[in-house]
N, C-alpha and C. Protein backbone atom coordinates (compact mmCIF):
# COMPACT_ATOMS: atom_id res chain seq x y z
N MET A 1 0.84 -1.17 0.00
CA MET A 1 0.00 0.00 0.00
C MET A 1 0.89 1.23 0.00
N CYS A 2 0.57 2.19 -0.83
CA CYS A 2 1.34 3.43 -0.83
C CYS A 2 0.42 4.61 -1.04
N GLY A 3 0.90 5.76 -0.67
CA GLY A 3 0.14 6.99 -0.85
C GLY A 3 1.10 8.14 -1.02
N THR A 4 0.60 9.29 -1.42
CA THR A 4 1.44 10.46 -1.59
C THR A 4 0.88 11.62 -0.80
N ALA A 5 1.75 12.56 -0.45
CA ALA A 5 1.34 13.74 0.31
C ALA A 5 2.24 14.90 -0.08
N LEU A 6 1.80 16.09 0.20
CA LEU A 6 2.58 17.29 -0.04
C LEU A 6 2.89 17.91 1.30
N LEU A 7 4.17 18.15 1.56
CA LEU A 7 4.58 18.79 2.80
C LEU A 7 5.22 20.12 2.48
N GLY A 8 4.97 21.11 3.30
CA GLY A 8 5.56 22.42 3.07
C GLY A 8 6.25 22.93 4.31
N HIS A 9 7.38 23.61 4.10
CA HIS A 9 8.11 24.22 5.20
C HIS A 9 8.65 25.54 4.66
N GLY A 10 8.05 26.63 5.07
CA GLY A 10 8.47 27.92 4.52
C GLY A 10 8.19 27.97 3.03
N ARG A 11 9.24 28.24 2.26
CA ARG A 11 9.08 28.29 0.80
C ARG A 11 9.37 26.95 0.14
N GLU A 12 9.84 26.00 0.89
CA GLU A 12 10.16 24.70 0.32
C GLU A 12 8.95 23.77 0.43
N HIS A 13 8.72 23.01 -0.62
CA HIS A 13 7.64 22.03 -0.62
C HIS A 13 8.20 20.70 -1.07
N PHE A 14 7.69 19.64 -0.48
CA PHE A 14 8.17 18.31 -0.79
C PHE A 14 7.01 17.38 -1.09
N ALA A 15 7.21 16.49 -2.01
CA ALA A 15 6.25 15.42 -2.28
C ALA A 15 6.77 14.18 -1.57
N VAL A 16 5.90 13.53 -0.81
CA VAL A 16 6.30 12.36 -0.03
C VAL A 16 5.46 11.17 -0.45
N LYS A 17 6.12 10.09 -0.77
CA LYS A 17 5.44 8.85 -1.13
C LYS A 17 5.59 7.90 0.06
N LYS A 18 4.47 7.44 0.59
CA LYS A 18 4.47 6.60 1.79
C LYS A 18 4.12 5.17 1.42
N PHE A 19 4.89 4.22 1.94
CA PHE A 19 4.65 2.80 1.73
C PHE A 19 4.44 2.12 3.07
N VAL A 20 3.50 1.21 3.13
CA VAL A 20 3.33 0.37 4.32
C VAL A 20 3.85 -1.01 3.95
N LYS A 21 4.86 -1.46 4.70
CA LYS A 21 5.45 -2.77 4.44
C LYS A 21 4.62 -3.83 5.15
N TYR A 22 4.00 -4.70 4.38
CA TYR A 22 3.17 -5.74 4.97
C TYR A 22 3.71 -7.14 4.70
N SER A 23 4.78 -7.23 3.91
CA SER A 23 5.38 -8.53 3.64
C SER A 23 6.82 -8.33 3.18
N ARG A 24 7.55 -9.42 3.11
CA ARG A 24 8.93 -9.36 2.63
C ARG A 24 8.95 -8.91 1.17
N GLU A 25 7.95 -9.34 0.40
CA GLU A 25 7.88 -8.95 -1.01
C GLU A 25 7.69 -7.44 -1.15
N SER A 26 6.84 -6.85 -0.33
CA SER A 26 6.64 -5.40 -0.43
C SER A 26 7.91 -4.65 -0.02
N GLU A 27 8.64 -5.18 0.93
CA GLU A 27 9.90 -4.57 1.35
C GLU A 27 10.92 -4.61 0.20
N GLU A 28 10.95 -5.72 -0.53
CA GLU A 28 11.85 -5.84 -1.68
C GLU A 28 11.45 -4.88 -2.79
N ARG A 29 10.15 -4.70 -3.01
CA ARG A 29 9.68 -3.78 -4.05
C ARG A 29 10.06 -2.34 -3.72
N ILE A 30 9.98 -1.98 -2.45
CA ILE A 30 10.38 -0.63 -2.04
C ILE A 30 11.87 -0.44 -2.30
N ALA A 31 12.68 -1.44 -1.95
CA ALA A 31 14.13 -1.36 -2.18
C ALA A 31 14.45 -1.22 -3.67
N ILE A 32 13.71 -1.93 -4.51
CA ILE A 32 13.92 -1.83 -5.96
C ILE A 32 13.56 -0.43 -6.45
N GLU A 33 12.45 0.12 -5.98
CA GLU A 33 12.06 1.46 -6.41
C GLU A 33 13.09 2.50 -6.00
N VAL A 34 13.61 2.40 -4.77
CA VAL A 34 14.65 3.32 -4.31
C VAL A 34 15.88 3.19 -5.21
N SER A 35 16.25 1.96 -5.54
CA SER A 35 17.39 1.71 -6.41
C SER A 35 17.19 2.35 -7.79
N ILE A 36 16.00 2.23 -8.33
CA ILE A 36 15.70 2.82 -9.64
C ILE A 36 15.84 4.34 -9.58
N HIS A 37 15.28 4.95 -8.54
CA HIS A 37 15.37 6.41 -8.41
C HIS A 37 16.83 6.86 -8.28
N ARG A 38 17.62 6.11 -7.56
CA ARG A 38 19.04 6.46 -7.41
C ARG A 38 19.78 6.34 -8.74
N GLN A 39 19.40 5.38 -9.56
CA GLN A 39 20.02 5.22 -10.88
C GLN A 39 19.65 6.38 -11.81
N LEU A 40 18.52 7.01 -11.55
CA LEU A 40 18.04 8.10 -12.41
C LEU A 40 18.50 9.48 -11.95
N LEU A 41 19.37 9.55 -10.96
CA LEU A 41 19.80 10.84 -10.43
C LEU A 41 20.41 11.76 -11.48
N ASP A 42 21.11 11.20 -12.45
CA ASP A 42 21.78 12.02 -13.46
C ASP A 42 20.96 12.19 -14.74
N VAL A 43 19.74 11.67 -14.76
CA VAL A 43 18.90 11.78 -15.95
C VAL A 43 18.20 13.14 -15.95
N ARG A 44 18.35 13.85 -17.05
CA ARG A 44 17.78 15.19 -17.17
C ARG A 44 16.25 15.11 -17.12
N ASN A 45 15.62 16.10 -16.50
CA ASN A 45 14.17 16.25 -16.41
C ASN A 45 13.48 15.22 -15.52
N VAL A 46 14.20 14.50 -14.72
CA VAL A 46 13.60 13.59 -13.75
C VAL A 46 13.83 14.17 -12.37
N VAL A 47 12.78 14.32 -11.60
CA VAL A 47 12.90 14.88 -10.26
C VAL A 47 13.70 13.92 -9.39
N PRO A 48 14.72 14.41 -8.70
CA PRO A 48 15.58 13.52 -7.92
C PRO A 48 14.94 13.06 -6.61
N LEU A 49 15.30 11.88 -6.20
CA LEU A 49 14.92 11.37 -4.88
C LEU A 49 15.81 12.08 -3.87
N LEU A 50 15.22 12.81 -2.93
CA LEU A 50 16.00 13.53 -1.93
C LEU A 50 16.36 12.67 -0.74
N ALA A 51 15.43 11.80 -0.35
CA ALA A 51 15.66 10.98 0.84
C ALA A 51 14.75 9.77 0.82
N ALA A 52 15.23 8.72 1.46
CA ALA A 52 14.43 7.52 1.69
C ALA A 52 14.63 7.15 3.15
N THR A 53 13.54 6.99 3.87
CA THR A 53 13.65 6.67 5.29
C THR A 53 12.57 5.68 5.68
N ALA A 54 12.81 4.97 6.75
CA ALA A 54 11.85 3.97 7.22
C ALA A 54 11.73 4.04 8.73
N THR A 55 10.50 3.85 9.21
CA THR A 55 10.24 3.75 10.64
C THR A 55 9.29 2.58 10.84
N GLY A 56 9.76 1.53 11.44
CA GLY A 56 8.91 0.36 11.64
C GLY A 56 8.46 -0.24 10.33
N HIS A 57 7.16 -0.31 10.13
CA HIS A 57 6.59 -0.91 8.92
C HIS A 57 6.24 0.12 7.86
N ILE A 58 6.72 1.35 8.03
CA ILE A 58 6.39 2.41 7.07
C ILE A 58 7.68 2.98 6.48
N SER A 59 7.69 3.14 5.16
CA SER A 59 8.82 3.75 4.45
C SER A 59 8.33 5.00 3.73
N TYR A 60 9.22 5.98 3.60
CA TYR A 60 8.89 7.23 2.91
C TYR A 60 9.96 7.54 1.87
N LEU A 61 9.53 8.00 0.70
CA LEU A 61 10.42 8.54 -0.31
C LEU A 61 10.09 10.02 -0.43
N VAL A 62 11.11 10.88 -0.38
CA VAL A 62 10.90 12.33 -0.38
C VAL A 62 11.48 12.92 -1.67
N PHE A 63 10.66 13.72 -2.36
CA PHE A 63 11.05 14.37 -3.60
C PHE A 63 10.78 15.87 -3.49
N PRO A 64 11.50 16.70 -4.26
CA PRO A 64 11.10 18.11 -4.31
C PRO A 64 9.74 18.20 -5.00
N PHE A 65 8.94 19.17 -4.63
CA PHE A 65 7.61 19.32 -5.23
C PHE A 65 7.63 20.44 -6.26
N TYR A 66 7.05 20.16 -7.42
CA TYR A 66 6.91 21.16 -8.47
C TYR A 66 5.45 21.26 -8.85
N LYS A 67 4.95 22.48 -9.01
CA LYS A 67 3.54 22.65 -9.41
C LYS A 67 3.32 22.18 -10.83
N ARG A 68 4.31 22.41 -11.69
CA ARG A 68 4.20 21.97 -13.08
C ARG A 68 4.95 20.67 -13.25
N GLY A 69 4.45 19.83 -14.10
CA GLY A 69 5.13 18.57 -14.37
C GLY A 69 4.13 17.47 -14.56
N SER A 70 4.61 16.37 -15.00
CA SER A 70 3.74 15.22 -15.19
C SER A 70 4.39 14.00 -14.56
N VAL A 71 3.57 13.07 -14.20
CA VAL A 71 4.06 11.86 -13.56
C VAL A 71 4.13 10.76 -14.60
N GLY A 72 5.27 10.15 -14.70
CA GLY A 72 5.44 9.01 -15.59
C GLY A 72 5.56 7.75 -14.75
N VAL A 73 5.21 6.64 -15.33
CA VAL A 73 5.30 5.37 -14.61
C VAL A 73 6.40 4.55 -15.26
N ILE A 74 7.30 4.02 -14.44
CA ILE A 74 8.36 3.17 -14.95
C ILE A 74 8.15 1.76 -14.45
N CYS A 75 8.60 0.81 -15.20
CA CYS A 75 8.52 -0.59 -14.79
C CYS A 75 9.91 -1.19 -14.82
N TYR A 76 10.25 -1.94 -13.80
CA TYR A 76 11.55 -2.59 -13.74
C TYR A 76 11.37 -3.90 -12.99
N GLY A 77 11.59 -4.99 -13.65
CA GLY A 77 11.44 -6.29 -12.99
C GLY A 77 10.05 -6.52 -12.44
N GLY A 78 9.03 -6.02 -13.12
CA GLY A 78 7.66 -6.20 -12.65
C GLY A 78 7.24 -5.21 -11.58
N VAL A 79 8.13 -4.30 -11.20
CA VAL A 79 7.81 -3.31 -10.17
C VAL A 79 7.50 -1.99 -10.86
N ARG A 80 6.36 -1.42 -10.55
CA ARG A 80 5.98 -0.12 -11.11
C ARG A 80 6.43 0.97 -10.15
N GLY A 81 7.04 2.00 -10.70
CA GLY A 81 7.50 3.11 -9.88
C GLY A 81 7.09 4.43 -10.50
N MET A 82 7.08 5.46 -9.70
CA MET A 82 6.66 6.78 -10.15
C MET A 82 7.89 7.64 -10.41
N VAL A 83 7.93 8.31 -11.53
CA VAL A 83 8.97 9.27 -11.85
C VAL A 83 8.28 10.56 -12.24
N ILE A 84 8.68 11.66 -11.65
CA ILE A 84 8.07 12.94 -11.95
C ILE A 84 8.94 13.65 -12.98
N LEU A 85 8.35 14.00 -14.11
CA LEU A 85 9.07 14.67 -15.18
C LEU A 85 8.75 16.15 -15.14
N VAL A 86 9.76 16.99 -15.33
CA VAL A 86 9.53 18.43 -15.31
C VAL A 86 9.71 19.00 -16.69
């Protein structure tokens, strides 16, 4: 299960993707998505992953937030991930 949220602090805004780990498989899928985002750090027009953190059974991926842009879906090894294009 995952969801997204927008967090703001002063003038900075962040998009946060939240995952609930309910099985070993879901934990592996989260790790694969983080790996994919890290591989895309140098790709032009892809919003970079700023942070990945976990507390208990919940993991968060943090991205900069942009008002303009579109969300693309990537697939890798059967895992679907979100990439924000600017």
